[in-house]
Amino acid sequence: MKYMLLIIGTQDAEPQTAEADQGLMEEFMAYHKAVYDAGVMVDSNVLDSFETATSVQVGKNGERMVTDGPFAETREYLGGYYILDLPDLDAAIDWAARCPGARAWRVEVRPIQDFDLS
């Protein structure tokens, strides 16, 4: 089963120094290698800053509403993700707990529904 690990950052918990930022990046690189070496990684990416987001919503009349920035006014933001192919939720929780994002911010684990489109 595939699980998405969503790395949820907060503006309040950003590294305060260049050294702390570099240390966190090194932890993420080691985690990325561990996930890859374990053969469970399907996909992973870091998202650009939340300030670069564009929100799109289509109203009932079909009119597009395009807004610069994230839709919700919040101090939290989606910073990146991993999609892992794992046997069960316990394994997903274990990988999430090992993610540096779980110590620096928060990691949300979500099962990915598999739709047969054939």
N, C-alpha and C. Protein backbone atom coordinates (compact mmCIF):
# COMPACT_ATOMS: atom_id res chain seq x y z
N MET A 1 0.85 -1.18 0.00
CA MET A 1 0.00 0.00 0.00
C MET A 1 0.89 1.23 0.00
N LYS A 2 0.42 2.27 -0.66
CA LYS A 2 1.19 3.51 -0.71
C LYS A 2 0.68 4.49 0.35
N TYR A 3 1.62 5.17 0.96
CA TYR A 3 1.33 6.18 1.97
C TYR A 3 2.05 7.47 1.59
N MET A 4 1.39 8.60 1.83
CA MET A 4 2.02 9.89 1.63
C MET A 4 2.38 10.45 3.00
N LEU A 5 3.64 10.82 3.15
CA LEU A 5 4.10 11.49 4.35
C LEU A 5 4.20 12.96 4.01
N LEU A 6 3.30 13.76 4.58
CA LEU A 6 3.26 15.19 4.32
C LEU A 6 4.07 15.91 5.39
N ILE A 7 5.04 16.65 4.99
CA ILE A 7 5.88 17.38 5.94
C ILE A 7 5.28 18.76 6.11
N ILE A 8 4.70 18.97 7.30
CA ILE A 8 3.98 20.20 7.61
C ILE A 8 4.89 21.09 8.46
N GLY A 9 5.35 22.17 7.88
CA GLY A 9 6.22 23.10 8.61
C GLY A 9 5.42 24.21 9.24
N THR A 10 6.08 24.94 10.12
CA THR A 10 5.47 26.13 10.71
C THR A 10 6.47 27.27 10.62
N GLN A 11 5.94 28.45 10.38
CA GLN A 11 6.80 29.62 10.27
C GLN A 11 7.55 29.87 11.57
N ASP A 12 6.95 29.50 12.70
CA ASP A 12 7.56 29.73 14.01
C ASP A 12 8.75 28.81 14.27
N ALA A 13 8.80 27.65 13.60
CA ALA A 13 9.80 26.64 13.93
C ALA A 13 10.90 26.53 12.88
N GLU A 14 11.08 27.55 12.07
CA GLU A 14 12.15 27.51 11.07
C GLU A 14 13.50 27.59 11.78
N PRO A 15 14.53 26.92 11.22
CA PRO A 15 15.86 27.03 11.82
C PRO A 15 16.29 28.49 11.93
N GLN A 16 16.88 28.83 13.06
CA GLN A 16 17.22 30.22 13.33
C GLN A 16 18.59 30.63 12.82
N THR A 17 19.45 29.65 12.52
CA THR A 17 20.79 29.98 12.04
C THR A 17 21.10 29.19 10.78
N ALA A 18 22.09 29.65 10.05
CA ALA A 18 22.51 28.95 8.84
C ALA A 18 23.04 27.56 9.20
N GLU A 19 23.70 27.44 10.34
CA GLU A 19 24.23 26.15 10.77
C GLU A 19 23.10 25.17 11.08
N ALA A 20 22.06 25.65 11.75
CA ALA A 20 20.91 24.79 12.06
C ALA A 20 20.20 24.37 10.78
N ASP A 21 20.06 25.29 9.84
CA ASP A 21 19.44 24.99 8.56
C ASP A 21 20.25 23.94 7.80
N GLN A 22 21.57 24.10 7.79
CA GLN A 22 22.45 23.14 7.11
C GLN A 22 22.37 21.77 7.79
N GLY A 23 22.32 21.76 9.12
CA GLY A 23 22.22 20.50 9.86
C GLY A 23 20.92 19.77 9.53
N LEU A 24 19.82 20.50 9.47
CA LEU A 24 18.54 19.90 9.13
C LEU A 24 18.56 19.36 7.70
N MET A 25 19.17 20.10 6.77
CA MET A 25 19.27 19.64 5.39
C MET A 25 20.08 18.35 5.31
N GLU A 26 21.15 18.25 6.07
CA GLU A 26 21.95 17.02 6.09
C GLU A 26 21.15 15.85 6.65
N GLU A 27 20.34 16.09 7.68
CA GLU A 27 19.48 15.04 8.22
C GLU A 27 18.47 14.56 7.17
N PHE A 28 17.89 15.51 6.42
CA PHE A 28 16.95 15.13 5.37
C PHE A 28 17.64 14.34 4.26
N MET A 29 18.86 14.70 3.90
CA MET A 29 19.58 13.96 2.86
C MET A 29 19.85 12.52 3.33
N ALA A 30 20.20 12.34 4.58
CA ALA A 30 20.44 10.99 5.12
C ALA A 30 19.14 10.19 5.16
N TYR A 31 18.05 10.84 5.55
CA TYR A 31 16.74 10.17 5.57
C TYR A 31 16.33 9.77 4.16
N HIS A 32 16.52 10.68 3.21
CA HIS A 32 16.18 10.42 1.81
C HIS A 32 16.94 9.20 1.30
N LYS A 33 18.22 9.12 1.63
CA LYS A 33 19.05 7.99 1.22
C LYS A 33 18.54 6.70 1.87
N ALA A 34 18.16 6.77 3.15
CA ALA A 34 17.66 5.58 3.85
C ALA A 34 16.37 5.06 3.22
N VAL A 35 15.46 5.97 2.88
CA VAL A 35 14.19 5.59 2.25
C VAL A 35 14.46 4.98 0.88
N TYR A 36 15.35 5.60 0.12
CA TYR A 36 15.70 5.10 -1.21
C TYR A 36 16.37 3.72 -1.11
N ASP A 37 17.36 3.61 -0.22
CA ASP A 37 18.10 2.35 -0.07
C ASP A 37 17.20 1.21 0.41
N ALA A 38 16.16 1.54 1.18
CA ALA A 38 15.23 0.52 1.67
C ALA A 38 14.28 0.04 0.56
N GLY A 39 14.28 0.75 -0.57
CA GLY A 39 13.45 0.36 -1.70
C GLY A 39 11.98 0.66 -1.53
N VAL A 40 11.63 1.59 -0.64
CA VAL A 40 10.22 1.90 -0.39
C VAL A 40 9.78 3.23 -1.00
N MET A 41 10.73 4.01 -1.52
CA MET A 41 10.38 5.33 -2.03
C MET A 41 9.75 5.23 -3.42
N VAL A 42 8.59 5.84 -3.58
CA VAL A 42 7.93 5.97 -4.87
C VAL A 42 8.22 7.35 -5.45
N ASP A 43 8.14 8.39 -4.60
CA ASP A 43 8.38 9.76 -5.04
C ASP A 43 8.64 10.62 -3.81
N SER A 44 9.30 11.74 -4.04
CA SER A 44 9.56 12.69 -2.96
C SER A 44 9.94 14.02 -3.58
N ASN A 45 9.53 15.10 -2.95
CA ASN A 45 9.92 16.43 -3.39
C ASN A 45 9.81 17.42 -2.26
N VAL A 46 10.59 18.48 -2.38
CA VAL A 46 10.49 19.64 -1.51
C VAL A 46 9.71 20.69 -2.31
N LEU A 47 8.76 21.32 -1.69
CA LEU A 47 7.98 22.34 -2.38
C LEU A 47 8.63 23.71 -2.20
N ASP A 48 8.45 24.57 -3.18
CA ASP A 48 8.94 25.94 -3.10
C ASP A 48 8.20 26.64 -1.95
N SER A 49 8.66 27.78 -1.58
CA SER A 49 8.08 28.54 -0.47
C SER A 49 6.57 28.72 -0.62
N PHE A 50 5.87 28.70 0.49
CA PHE A 50 4.41 28.86 0.45
C PHE A 50 4.00 30.22 -0.12
N GLU A 51 4.90 31.19 -0.08
CA GLU A 51 4.58 32.51 -0.66
C GLU A 51 4.45 32.45 -2.18
N THR A 52 4.98 31.40 -2.80
CA THR A 52 4.91 31.28 -4.26
C THR A 52 3.64 30.55 -4.72
N ALA A 53 2.81 30.12 -3.77
CA ALA A 53 1.61 29.36 -4.12
C ALA A 53 0.59 30.22 -4.85
N THR A 54 -0.20 29.58 -5.69
CA THR A 54 -1.35 30.20 -6.34
C THR A 54 -2.53 29.29 -6.09
N SER A 55 -3.62 29.83 -5.56
CA SER A 55 -4.82 29.04 -5.29
C SER A 55 -5.85 29.29 -6.38
N VAL A 56 -6.47 28.20 -6.84
CA VAL A 56 -7.48 28.28 -7.89
C VAL A 56 -8.75 27.61 -7.38
N GLN A 57 -9.85 28.32 -7.53
CA GLN A 57 -11.16 27.79 -7.15
C GLN A 57 -12.14 28.18 -8.25
N VAL A 58 -13.04 27.26 -8.58
CA VAL A 58 -14.05 27.54 -9.60
C VAL A 58 -15.40 27.63 -8.91
N GLY A 59 -16.07 28.77 -9.08
CA GLY A 59 -17.37 29.00 -8.46
C GLY A 59 -18.47 28.23 -9.18
N LYS A 60 -19.66 28.26 -8.60
CA LYS A 60 -20.81 27.55 -9.17
C LYS A 60 -21.15 28.02 -10.57
N ASN A 61 -20.83 29.28 -10.87
CA ASN A 61 -21.12 29.82 -12.20
C ASN A 61 -19.99 29.54 -13.19
N GLY A 62 -18.97 28.77 -12.77
CA GLY A 62 -17.86 28.42 -13.64
C GLY A 62 -16.75 29.45 -13.67
N GLU A 63 -16.92 30.54 -12.90
CA GLU A 63 -15.91 31.59 -12.88
C GLU A 63 -14.72 31.18 -12.02
N ARG A 64 -13.53 31.39 -12.57
CA ARG A 64 -12.31 31.08 -11.84
C ARG A 64 -11.98 32.19 -10.85
N MET A 65 -11.57 31.76 -9.67
CA MET A 65 -11.05 32.70 -8.67
C MET A 65 -9.61 32.30 -8.41
N VAL A 66 -8.67 33.15 -8.80
CA VAL A 66 -7.25 32.87 -8.66
C VAL A 66 -6.68 33.84 -7.63
N THR A 67 -6.00 33.28 -6.63
CA THR A 67 -5.46 34.08 -5.54
C THR A 67 -3.98 33.78 -5.37
N ASP A 68 -3.18 34.80 -5.24
CA ASP A 68 -1.77 34.59 -4.94
C ASP A 68 -1.63 34.13 -3.49
N GLY A 69 -0.73 33.19 -3.28
CA GLY A 69 -0.47 32.69 -1.94
C GLY A 69 -1.37 31.52 -1.60
N PRO A 70 -1.12 30.91 -0.45
CA PRO A 70 -1.94 29.77 -0.03
C PRO A 70 -3.37 30.21 0.27
N PHE A 71 -4.30 29.28 0.14
CA PHE A 71 -5.72 29.60 0.36
C PHE A 71 -5.98 29.98 1.80
N ALA A 72 -5.46 29.20 2.73
CA ALA A 72 -5.75 29.43 4.15
C ALA A 72 -4.71 30.36 4.75
N GLU A 73 -5.17 31.23 5.60
CA GLU A 73 -4.27 32.07 6.39
C GLU A 73 -3.87 31.26 7.62
N THR A 74 -2.65 30.77 7.60
CA THR A 74 -2.19 29.91 8.68
C THR A 74 -0.68 30.04 8.82
N ARG A 75 -0.18 29.66 9.95
CA ARG A 75 1.26 29.67 10.17
C ARG A 75 1.88 28.35 9.71
N GLU A 76 1.03 27.36 9.40
CA GLU A 76 1.52 26.07 8.91
C GLU A 76 1.52 26.05 7.39
N TYR A 77 2.39 25.24 6.83
CA TYR A 77 2.45 25.11 5.38
C TYR A 77 2.97 23.73 5.02
N LEU A 78 2.62 23.26 3.82
CA LEU A 78 3.12 22.00 3.30
C LEU A 78 4.48 22.26 2.70
N GLY A 79 5.51 21.65 3.28
CA GLY A 79 6.87 21.91 2.83
C GLY A 79 7.41 20.87 1.88
N GLY A 80 6.86 19.67 1.92
CA GLY A 80 7.35 18.61 1.05
C GLY A 80 6.60 17.32 1.35
N TYR A 81 6.99 16.27 0.65
CA TYR A 81 6.29 15.00 0.83
C TYR A 81 7.17 13.83 0.41
N TYR A 82 6.81 12.68 0.93
CA TYR A 82 7.34 11.41 0.47
C TYR A 82 6.15 10.52 0.16
N ILE A 83 6.22 9.76 -0.92
CA ILE A 83 5.25 8.70 -1.18
C ILE A 83 6.03 7.41 -1.05
N LEU A 84 5.60 6.57 -0.11
CA LEU A 84 6.30 5.32 0.19
C LEU A 84 5.37 4.14 -0.05
N ASP A 85 5.93 3.06 -0.55
CA ASP A 85 5.20 1.81 -0.75
C ASP A 85 5.55 0.90 0.42
N LEU A 86 4.60 0.72 1.32
CA LEU A 86 4.85 0.02 2.58
C LEU A 86 3.78 -1.03 2.85
N PRO A 87 4.08 -2.00 3.71
CA PRO A 87 3.11 -3.06 3.97
C PRO A 87 1.89 -2.63 4.77
N ASP A 88 2.06 -1.62 5.67
CA ASP A 88 0.93 -1.26 6.53
C ASP A 88 1.17 0.09 7.19
N LEU A 89 0.15 0.55 7.92
CA LEU A 89 0.21 1.85 8.60
C LEU A 89 1.33 1.89 9.65
N ASP A 90 1.56 0.79 10.34
CA ASP A 90 2.63 0.77 11.34
C ASP A 90 3.98 1.08 10.72
N ALA A 91 4.24 0.51 9.54
CA ALA A 91 5.50 0.79 8.84
C ALA A 91 5.55 2.26 8.43
N ALA A 92 4.42 2.81 7.97
CA ALA A 92 4.36 4.22 7.58
C ALA A 92 4.64 5.13 8.78
N ILE A 93 4.07 4.79 9.92
CA ILE A 93 4.30 5.58 11.14
C ILE A 93 5.77 5.50 11.54
N ASP A 94 6.38 4.32 11.39
CA ASP A 94 7.79 4.17 11.72
C ASP A 94 8.66 5.06 10.83
N TRP A 95 8.40 5.05 9.52
CA TRP A 95 9.17 5.91 8.62
C TRP A 95 8.90 7.39 8.91
N ALA A 96 7.67 7.74 9.25
CA ALA A 96 7.34 9.14 9.58
C ALA A 96 8.10 9.59 10.83
N ALA A 97 8.20 8.71 11.82
CA ALA A 97 8.91 9.05 13.05
C ALA A 97 10.40 9.24 12.81
N ARG A 98 10.93 8.55 11.81
CA ARG A 98 12.36 8.67 11.47
C ARG A 98 12.65 9.93 10.65
N CYS A 99 11.64 10.54 10.08
CA CYS A 99 11.81 11.72 9.23
C CYS A 99 12.23 12.92 10.08
N PRO A 100 13.26 13.66 9.67
CA PRO A 100 13.66 14.86 10.41
C PRO A 100 12.52 15.87 10.55
N GLY A 101 11.59 15.87 9.61
CA GLY A 101 10.45 16.77 9.69
C GLY A 101 9.58 16.52 10.90
N ALA A 102 9.58 15.28 11.41
CA ALA A 102 8.78 14.96 12.60
C ALA A 102 9.38 15.60 13.85
N ARG A 103 10.69 15.84 13.85
CA ARG A 103 11.33 16.50 14.99
C ARG A 103 11.31 18.02 14.83
N ALA A 104 11.49 18.48 13.59
CA ALA A 104 11.54 19.93 13.36
C ALA A 104 10.15 20.53 13.30
N TRP A 105 9.18 19.79 12.73
CA TRP A 105 7.82 20.29 12.57
C TRP A 105 6.82 19.19 12.88
N ARG A 106 6.17 18.65 11.82
CA ARG A 106 5.18 17.59 11.98
C ARG A 106 5.08 16.84 10.66
N VAL A 107 4.85 15.52 10.75
CA VAL A 107 4.64 14.71 9.55
C VAL A 107 3.27 14.06 9.66
N GLU A 108 2.44 14.30 8.66
CA GLU A 108 1.11 13.70 8.59
C GLU A 108 1.18 12.50 7.65
N VAL A 109 0.65 11.35 8.09
CA VAL A 109 0.65 10.13 7.29
C VAL A 109 -0.74 9.92 6.71
N ARG A 110 -0.81 9.77 5.39
CA ARG A 110 -2.11 9.56 4.72
C ARG A 110 -2.01 8.39 3.77
N PRO A 111 -2.90 7.39 3.90
CA PRO A 111 -2.93 6.32 2.89
C PRO A 111 -3.40 6.89 1.56
N ILE A 112 -2.85 6.36 0.48
CA ILE A 112 -3.26 6.78 -0.85
C ILE A 112 -4.24 5.74 -1.38
N GLN A 113 -5.41 6.19 -1.76
CA GLN A 113 -6.42 5.27 -2.30
C GLN A 113 -6.01 4.84 -3.70
N ASP A 114 -6.19 3.56 -3.96
CA ASP A 114 -5.84 3.01 -5.25
C ASP A 114 -7.12 2.77 -6.04
N PHE A 115 -7.28 3.53 -7.12
CA PHE A 115 -8.45 3.38 -7.98
C PHE A 115 -8.06 2.62 -9.23
N ASP A 116 -8.81 1.59 -9.55
CA ASP A 116 -8.57 0.83 -10.77
C ASP A 116 -9.27 1.56 -11.91
N LEU A 117 -8.49 2.17 -12.78
CA LEU A 117 -9.07 2.98 -13.86
C LEU A 117 -9.20 2.21 -15.17
N SER A 118 -8.95 0.92 -15.11
CA SER A 118 -9.06 0.16 -16.36
C SER A 118 -10.47 -0.30 -16.64
